[in-house]
Protein backbone atom coordinates (compact mmCIF):
# COMPACT_ATOMS: atom_id res chain seq x y z
CA MET A 1 -0.01 0.02 0.01
CA ARG A 2 1.75 3.16 -1.27
CA PHE A 3 0.32 6.67 -1.80
CA GLU A 4 2.05 9.17 -4.12
CA ASN A 5 -0.05 12.30 -4.12
CA VAL A 6 -1.80 12.34 -0.65
CA CYS A 7 -1.35 14.81 2.27
CA ILE A 8 -2.99 15.08 5.67
CA GLU A 9 -4.25 18.66 5.43
CA SER A 10 -5.90 19.05 8.83
CA ILE A 11 -7.44 17.07 11.69
CA GLY A 12 -10.48 18.49 13.62
CA TYR A 13 -11.96 17.14 16.76
CA HIS A 14 -14.66 17.81 19.37
CA LEU A 15 -14.74 16.42 22.88
CA PRO A 16 -17.70 16.08 25.41
CA GLU A 17 -17.70 18.40 28.40
CA ASN A 18 -19.10 15.72 30.75
CA ILE A 19 -16.17 13.93 32.58
CA VAL A 20 -16.87 10.63 34.25
CA ARG A 21 -14.25 9.08 36.56
CA SER A 22 -13.63 5.35 36.65
CA ASP A 23 -14.43 5.21 40.34
CA GLU A 24 -17.80 6.85 39.69
CA LEU A 25 -18.72 3.86 37.41
CA GLU A 26 -17.55 1.45 40.05
CA HIS A 27 -19.63 3.11 42.75
CA ARG A 28 -22.65 2.45 40.47
CA LEU A 29 -21.63 -1.18 40.59
CA GLN A 30 -21.21 -1.27 44.33
CA PRO A 31 -23.77 -4.04 44.99
CA LEU A 32 -21.82 -6.35 42.71
CA TYR A 33 -18.44 -5.13 44.09
CA ASP A 34 -19.62 -5.97 47.60
CA ARG A 35 -21.01 -9.35 46.54
CA PHE A 36 -17.78 -10.46 44.86
CA LYS A 37 -15.46 -8.53 47.21
CA LEU A 38 -14.05 -6.31 44.45
CA ASN A 39 -12.31 -3.11 45.47
CA VAL A 40 -13.11 0.25 43.99
CA GLY A 41 -10.06 1.46 41.87
CA ARG A 42 -9.81 -1.89 40.15
CA LEU A 43 -11.02 -0.40 36.78
CA GLU A 44 -8.35 2.26 36.69
CA LEU A 45 -5.69 -0.11 37.97
CA MET A 46 -6.37 -2.66 35.16
CA SER A 47 -6.91 -0.22 32.35
CA GLY A 48 -4.91 2.79 33.25
CA ILE A 49 -8.03 4.91 32.46
CA ARG A 50 -8.64 7.49 35.06
CA GLU A 51 -11.62 9.16 33.38
CA ARG A 52 -13.56 9.36 30.04
CA ARG A 53 -16.09 11.77 28.61
CA PHE A 54 -19.75 11.35 27.58
CA TRP A 55 -22.08 13.48 25.50
CA ASP A 56 -25.37 14.75 26.90
CA LYS A 57 -28.14 12.24 26.62
CA GLY A 58 -29.88 12.20 23.24
CA THR A 59 -26.72 13.48 21.38
CA PHE A 60 -26.41 11.84 17.94
CA PRO A 61 -23.19 10.84 16.33
CA SER A 62 -23.77 12.99 13.24
CA THR A 63 -24.12 16.16 15.37
CA VAL A 64 -20.65 15.79 16.94
CA ALA A 65 -19.09 14.42 13.81
CA SER A 66 -20.29 17.51 11.99
CA LYS A 67 -18.78 19.78 14.63
CA ALA A 68 -15.47 17.98 14.21
CA GLY A 69 -15.65 18.34 10.46
CA GLU A 70 -16.32 22.08 10.77
CA ASP A 71 -13.15 22.24 13.02
CA ALA A 72 -11.05 20.50 10.37
CA LEU A 73 -12.31 22.82 7.71
CA ALA A 74 -11.58 25.86 9.85
CA ARG A 75 -7.95 24.76 10.26
CA THR A 76 -7.25 25.20 6.51
CA PRO A 77 -7.94 27.77 3.75
CA LEU A 78 -9.20 24.98 1.47
CA ASP A 79 -12.66 25.60 0.04
CA ARG A 80 -15.08 22.90 1.09
CA LYS A 81 -16.26 22.73 -2.60
CA GLU A 82 -13.09 20.77 -3.24
CA ILE A 83 -14.20 17.89 -1.10
CA GLY A 84 -15.14 14.98 -3.38
CA ALA A 85 -15.92 12.32 -0.80
CA LEU A 86 -17.21 12.10 2.81
CA ILE A 87 -16.86 8.89 4.76
CA CYS A 88 -18.33 8.37 8.24
CA GLY A 89 -16.26 5.67 10.01
CA SER A 90 -17.72 5.54 13.50
CA VAL A 91 -19.11 2.47 15.31
CA SER A 92 -21.86 4.73 16.55
CA ARG A 93 -24.51 5.68 13.94
CA ASP A 94 -27.63 7.68 14.14
CA PHE A 95 -29.77 4.91 12.71
CA LEU A 96 -29.66 1.68 10.70
CA GLU A 97 -30.63 3.66 7.57
CA PRO A 98 -29.74 5.96 5.84
CA ALA A 99 -26.07 6.41 6.24
CA THR A 100 -25.08 8.71 9.04
CA ALA A 101 -22.73 10.31 6.53
CA SER A 102 -25.76 11.74 4.74
CA VAL A 103 -26.59 13.93 7.84
CA VAL A 104 -23.04 15.05 8.15
CA HIS A 105 -22.87 15.74 4.37
CA HIS A 106 -25.89 18.04 4.67
CA ASN A 107 -24.78 19.65 7.92
CA LEU A 108 -21.34 20.55 6.36
CA LYS A 109 -23.14 21.81 3.19
CA LEU A 110 -20.91 19.80 0.86
CA ASN A 111 -21.47 19.72 -2.97
CA PRO A 112 -24.21 17.43 -4.33
CA ASP A 113 -21.56 15.69 -6.48
CA SER A 114 -19.49 14.74 -3.36
CA ILE A 115 -20.00 11.01 -2.66
CA PHE A 116 -20.93 9.97 0.87
CA TYR A 117 -21.24 6.69 2.78
CA ASP A 118 -20.52 4.96 6.09
CA VAL A 119 -17.60 2.49 6.75
CA SER A 120 -18.19 0.09 9.57
CA ASN A 121 -15.20 -1.78 10.94
CA ALA A 122 -15.09 -1.46 14.72
CA CYS A 123 -12.28 0.75 15.88
CA LEU A 124 -10.62 0.95 12.37
CA GLY A 125 -13.44 2.76 10.53
CA VAL A 126 -11.49 6.02 10.25
CA LEU A 127 -8.23 4.48 9.17
CA ASN A 128 -10.12 2.35 6.54
CA GLY A 129 -11.86 5.56 5.42
CA MET A 130 -8.42 7.24 5.10
CA VAL A 131 -7.18 4.35 2.92
CA GLN A 132 -10.25 4.67 0.67
CA VAL A 133 -10.05 8.42 0.34
CA ALA A 134 -6.32 8.23 -0.36
CA ASN A 135 -6.83 5.71 -3.11
CA MET A 136 -9.52 7.91 -4.69
CA ILE A 137 -7.07 10.86 -4.60
CA ASP A 138 -4.20 8.91 -6.12
CA ARG A 139 -6.47 7.57 -8.88
CA GLY A 140 -7.48 11.12 -9.75
CA GLN A 141 -11.22 10.51 -8.81
CA ILE A 142 -11.27 13.30 -6.26
CA ARG A 143 -9.02 16.16 -5.10
CA ALA A 144 -9.90 16.01 -1.38
CA GLY A 145 -11.88 13.90 1.01
CA LEU A 146 -13.08 14.13 4.59
CA ILE A 147 -13.29 11.19 7.03
CA VAL A 148 -15.35 11.79 10.15
CA SER A 149 -16.36 9.79 13.31
CA GLY A 150 -18.79 10.58 16.13
CA GLU A 151 -18.42 7.97 18.86
CA ASN A 152 -21.11 7.92 21.53
CA GLY A 153 -19.95 5.58 24.34
CA GLY A 154 -22.27 6.73 27.03
CA PRO A 155 -25.28 4.41 26.11
CA LEU A 156 -23.01 1.36 26.03
CA VAL A 157 -21.45 2.09 29.40
CA ASP A 158 -24.87 2.92 30.98
CA HIS A 159 -26.55 -0.16 29.56
CA THR A 160 -23.79 -2.41 30.62
CA ILE A 161 -24.04 -1.22 34.19
CA GLU A 162 -27.80 -1.62 34.16
CA THR A 163 -27.61 -5.10 32.70
CA LEU A 164 -25.08 -6.27 35.30
CA LEU A 165 -27.11 -4.86 38.15
CA ALA A 166 -30.39 -6.34 36.88
CA ASP A 167 -28.85 -9.83 36.21
CA PRO A 168 -30.50 -12.37 38.59
CA ASP A 169 -27.54 -14.69 38.46
CA PRO A 170 -24.44 -12.54 38.27
CA THR A 171 -21.07 -14.23 38.12
CA ARG A 172 -17.40 -13.04 38.08
CA ASN A 173 -17.08 -14.13 34.40
CA LYS A 174 -19.93 -11.97 33.38
CA ILE A 175 -18.31 -8.96 35.00
CA LYS A 176 -15.03 -9.87 33.32
CA THR A 177 -16.49 -10.01 29.80
CA ALA A 178 -18.21 -6.71 30.37
CA PHE A 179 -15.03 -5.10 31.67
CA ALA A 180 -13.94 -3.67 28.22
CA SER A 181 -17.23 -1.85 27.84
CA LEU A 182 -16.56 0.16 30.94
CA THR A 183 -13.39 1.57 29.40
CA ILE A 184 -15.30 3.23 26.56
CA GLY A 185 -15.49 7.05 26.16
CA SER A 186 -16.93 9.51 23.58
CA ALA A 187 -15.18 11.73 21.08
CA ALA A 188 -15.59 13.15 17.53
CA VAL A 189 -12.90 13.58 14.93
CA ALA A 190 -12.46 14.59 11.24
CA VAL A 191 -9.44 13.95 9.05
CA LEU A 192 -9.05 15.94 5.85
CA LEU A 193 -6.94 14.36 3.12
CA VAL A 194 -5.99 16.39 -0.03
CA HIS A 195 -3.99 16.06 -3.17
CA LYS A 196 -0.33 17.33 -2.73
CA ASP A 197 -1.18 20.19 -5.18
CA LEU A 198 -3.78 21.47 -2.75
CA THR A 199 -1.91 21.15 0.54
CA ASN A 200 -0.89 23.86 2.86
CA THR A 201 0.93 21.58 5.20
CA GLY A 202 2.92 19.15 3.14
CA HIS A 203 2.23 16.35 5.67
CA ARG A 204 2.49 13.33 3.28
CA LEU A 205 0.45 10.14 3.89
CA THR A 206 2.95 7.71 2.39
CA GLY A 207 1.25 4.30 2.61
CA GLY A 208 1.02 1.44 4.97
CA ALA A 209 -0.14 -2.20 5.42
CA TYR A 210 -3.13 -4.30 6.23
CA ARG A 211 -3.57 -7.78 7.70
CA SER A 212 -6.45 -9.75 9.27
CA ALA A 213 -7.10 -12.69 11.53
CA THR A 214 -10.84 -13.21 11.19
CA GLN A 215 -10.72 -16.56 13.05
CA PHE A 216 -10.92 -14.34 16.16
CA ASN A 217 -14.03 -12.38 15.14
CA HIS A 218 -15.88 -13.87 18.22
CA LEU A 219 -13.63 -12.30 20.78
CA CYS A 220 -15.40 -9.02 20.86
CA GLN A 221 -19.06 -8.77 19.69
CA GLY A 222 -21.89 -6.44 20.22
CA ASN A 223 -25.67 -7.07 20.12
CA GLN A 224 -27.92 -6.61 17.10
CA ASP A 225 -27.34 -3.57 14.79
CA SER A 226 -30.10 -0.98 15.46
CA GLY A 227 -28.02 2.27 15.14
CA MET A 228 -26.41 3.86 18.21
CA GLY A 229 -27.84 7.38 18.27
CA GLY A 230 -29.99 8.97 20.95
CA ASP A 231 -31.06 6.49 23.65
CA ALA A 232 -29.92 3.28 22.02
CA ALA A 233 -29.11 0.40 24.29
CA PRO A 234 -26.10 -1.43 23.04
CA LEU A 235 -24.24 -4.30 24.73
CA MET A 236 -20.82 -5.92 24.10
CA GLN A 237 -19.07 -9.09 25.33
CA THR A 238 -15.28 -9.10 25.16
CA ASP A 239 -12.61 -11.74 25.94
CA SER A 240 -10.17 -8.97 26.75
CA GLU A 241 -7.11 -11.08 27.58
CA THR A 242 -7.24 -13.19 24.41
CA LEU A 243 -8.17 -10.18 22.23
CA MET A 244 -5.11 -8.26 23.54
CA ARG A 245 -2.76 -11.22 23.01
CA GLU A 246 -3.96 -12.15 19.45
CA GLY A 247 -4.32 -8.44 18.55
CA CYS A 248 -0.67 -7.82 19.42
CA GLU A 249 0.43 -10.87 17.50
CA LEU A 250 -1.49 -9.61 14.39
CA ALA A 251 0.17 -6.18 14.97
CA ARG A 252 3.64 -7.90 14.96
CA GLU A 253 2.92 -9.52 11.52
CA THR A 254 1.52 -6.26 10.10
CA TRP A 255 4.43 -4.22 11.48
CA GLU A 256 6.92 -6.29 9.39
CA VAL A 257 4.80 -5.80 6.26
CA PHE A 258 4.45 -2.13 7.00
CA LYS A 259 8.21 -1.56 7.37
CA ASN A 260 8.98 -3.57 4.24
CA ASN A 261 6.39 -1.54 2.19
CA LEU A 262 7.74 1.85 3.28
CA GLY A 263 11.44 0.96 3.64
CA TRP A 264 11.35 1.98 7.35
CA THR A 265 13.04 0.51 10.37
CA ASN A 266 12.19 0.72 14.07
CA LYS A 267 14.93 3.36 14.63
CA SER A 268 13.75 5.48 11.60
CA VAL A 269 10.18 5.87 13.11
CA ASP A 270 10.17 9.07 15.13
CA ARG A 271 6.58 9.06 16.65
CA ILE A 272 3.99 6.40 17.17
CA PHE A 273 0.21 6.93 17.61
CA CYS A 274 -1.84 3.77 18.53
CA HIS A 275 -5.39 2.87 19.05
CA GLN A 276 -6.10 3.80 22.76
CA VAL A 277 -7.21 0.63 24.67
CA GLY A 278 -5.47 0.44 28.04
CA HIS A 279 -1.97 0.59 29.61
CA LEU A 280 -1.45 -3.22 29.56
CA HIS A 281 -2.22 -3.37 25.81
CA ARG A 282 0.04 -0.39 25.23
CA LYS A 283 2.87 -2.03 27.03
CA LEU A 284 2.49 -5.46 25.36
CA LEU A 285 2.24 -3.91 21.91
CA TYR A 286 5.48 -1.89 22.30
CA GLU A 287 7.30 -4.99 23.65
CA THR A 288 5.89 -7.11 20.82
CA LEU A 289 6.99 -4.65 18.09
CA GLU A 290 10.32 -3.98 19.98
CA LEU A 291 9.59 -0.27 19.82
CA ASP A 292 10.80 2.42 22.33
CA LEU A 293 7.81 3.43 24.51
CA GLU A 294 9.26 6.93 24.52
CA LYS A 295 7.96 7.36 20.95
CA ASP A 296 4.41 6.84 22.01
CA PHE A 297 1.78 9.52 22.84
CA SER A 298 -1.09 8.47 25.05
CA THR A 299 -4.51 9.82 25.75
CA LEU A 300 -6.27 6.83 27.20
CA GLU A 301 -5.75 8.05 30.78
CA PHE A 302 -8.25 10.85 30.27
CA LEU A 303 -10.29 9.95 27.24
CA GLY A 304 -10.55 6.15 27.62
CA ASN A 305 -11.19 4.02 24.43
CA THR A 306 -13.16 6.25 22.03
CA GLY A 307 -13.32 3.63 19.32
CA SER A 308 -12.60 4.72 15.81
CA ALA A 309 -11.93 8.34 17.00
CA ALA A 310 -9.22 7.28 19.46
CA LEU A 311 -6.23 7.22 17.25
CA PRO A 312 -6.92 10.26 15.11
CA VAL A 313 -7.96 12.40 18.15
CA THR A 314 -4.68 11.23 19.85
CA LEU A 315 -2.73 12.40 16.67
CA ALA A 316 -4.63 15.75 16.74
CA LEU A 317 -3.74 16.35 20.38
CA GLY A 318 -0.20 15.40 19.73
CA ILE A 319 0.09 17.88 16.92
CA GLU A 320 -1.36 20.63 19.22
CA GLU A 321 1.25 19.82 21.86
CA LYS A 322 3.95 20.11 19.16
CA ILE A 323 5.43 16.68 19.88
CA ILE A 324 5.98 16.20 16.12
CA GLN A 325 8.82 18.02 14.30
CA PRO A 326 9.23 18.75 10.62
CA GLY A 327 10.69 15.74 8.86
CA ASN A 328 9.48 13.27 11.45
CA LYS A 329 8.24 9.77 10.31
CA ILE A 330 4.93 8.99 11.96
CA GLY A 331 3.37 5.55 12.49
CA LEU A 332 -0.34 5.25 12.97
CA LEU A 333 -0.98 1.75 14.32
CA GLY A 334 -4.65 0.61 14.45
CA ILE A 335 -5.98 -2.74 15.73
CA GLY A 336 -9.70 -3.56 15.70
CA SER A 337 -11.86 -6.45 16.73
CA GLY A 338 -12.66 -8.78 13.96
CA LEU A 339 -9.49 -9.07 14.09
CA SER A 340 -7.97 -6.57 11.59
CA CYS A 341 -4.91 -4.28 11.69
CA VAL A 342 -4.28 -1.14 9.64
CA MET A 343 -0.93 0.66 9.86
CA LEU A 344 -0.36 3.99 7.99
CA GLY A 345 2.81 5.97 7.73
CA ALA A 346 3.11 9.81 7.38
CA GLU A 347 6.09 12.06 6.81
CA TRP A 348 5.81 15.47 8.40
């Protein structure tokens, strides 16, 4: 996977104002904690997630994705009329039909000849969307494309807690398989990719690699697809330990292909931005890839796992904190349930 003419022009984001600490979620589960003699603080200890953010109840993914899109457009002089494609890559969607991207397309007042659609691939939707837009730019089909995500984790966390408390036959294993759901947060992001002739930044998206291990699609599964806007009641069951182990093994395989495709080495990569899951996953991933943890930039401590928005929001915050220098080689390493892995490289 190589791109010749693609640049990351801007990344916009929008974060909720409502901050919810891990111990607050655990206090809601106090009857179960008492029954199974679990200590409050366990959630942060095991995940490294101190807090996460939730939207106000009734907030739709398209609303916050549109705000992130406006933020991305405000960061560049590029005319929105240049945008030839809009892809919504979030797990959270307004409804089953039509595409949530149709609402964002309308809100952003994009041209009628600008294609739009949703991409659904767990936490990799934005990265998959970036690959599709980059391919369209390289083929000369469009000059610019916008990939957005509006992840609404609040309903999942609330419904998980309610379901655990209402269970007439609770077990430690049921709590364990629901653990990953309690790490979820909310965020919105938008990534604007443009042809190199249009860029004001020169941040080249150079290429990457993709690999899958779909024999593990059962390790993290949600309930039936009914859309996730408003007051939806999603549930998810996750074998966190096996998912982490097999995900990191898949990342190891993908990393070797990635380096070969781009001609990079571990030493030549200056900064790494990963999907934000938890501190144990972060540690194992860097050990598996034999990468220096000092090259990492983390947001999981205060944002939690925000699904497909996690990696690009972390990149946006890293840019704002000026941790990336001109000429740096940047690795974007995404792993999603399914299992699939997308790794993209950029040169700043």
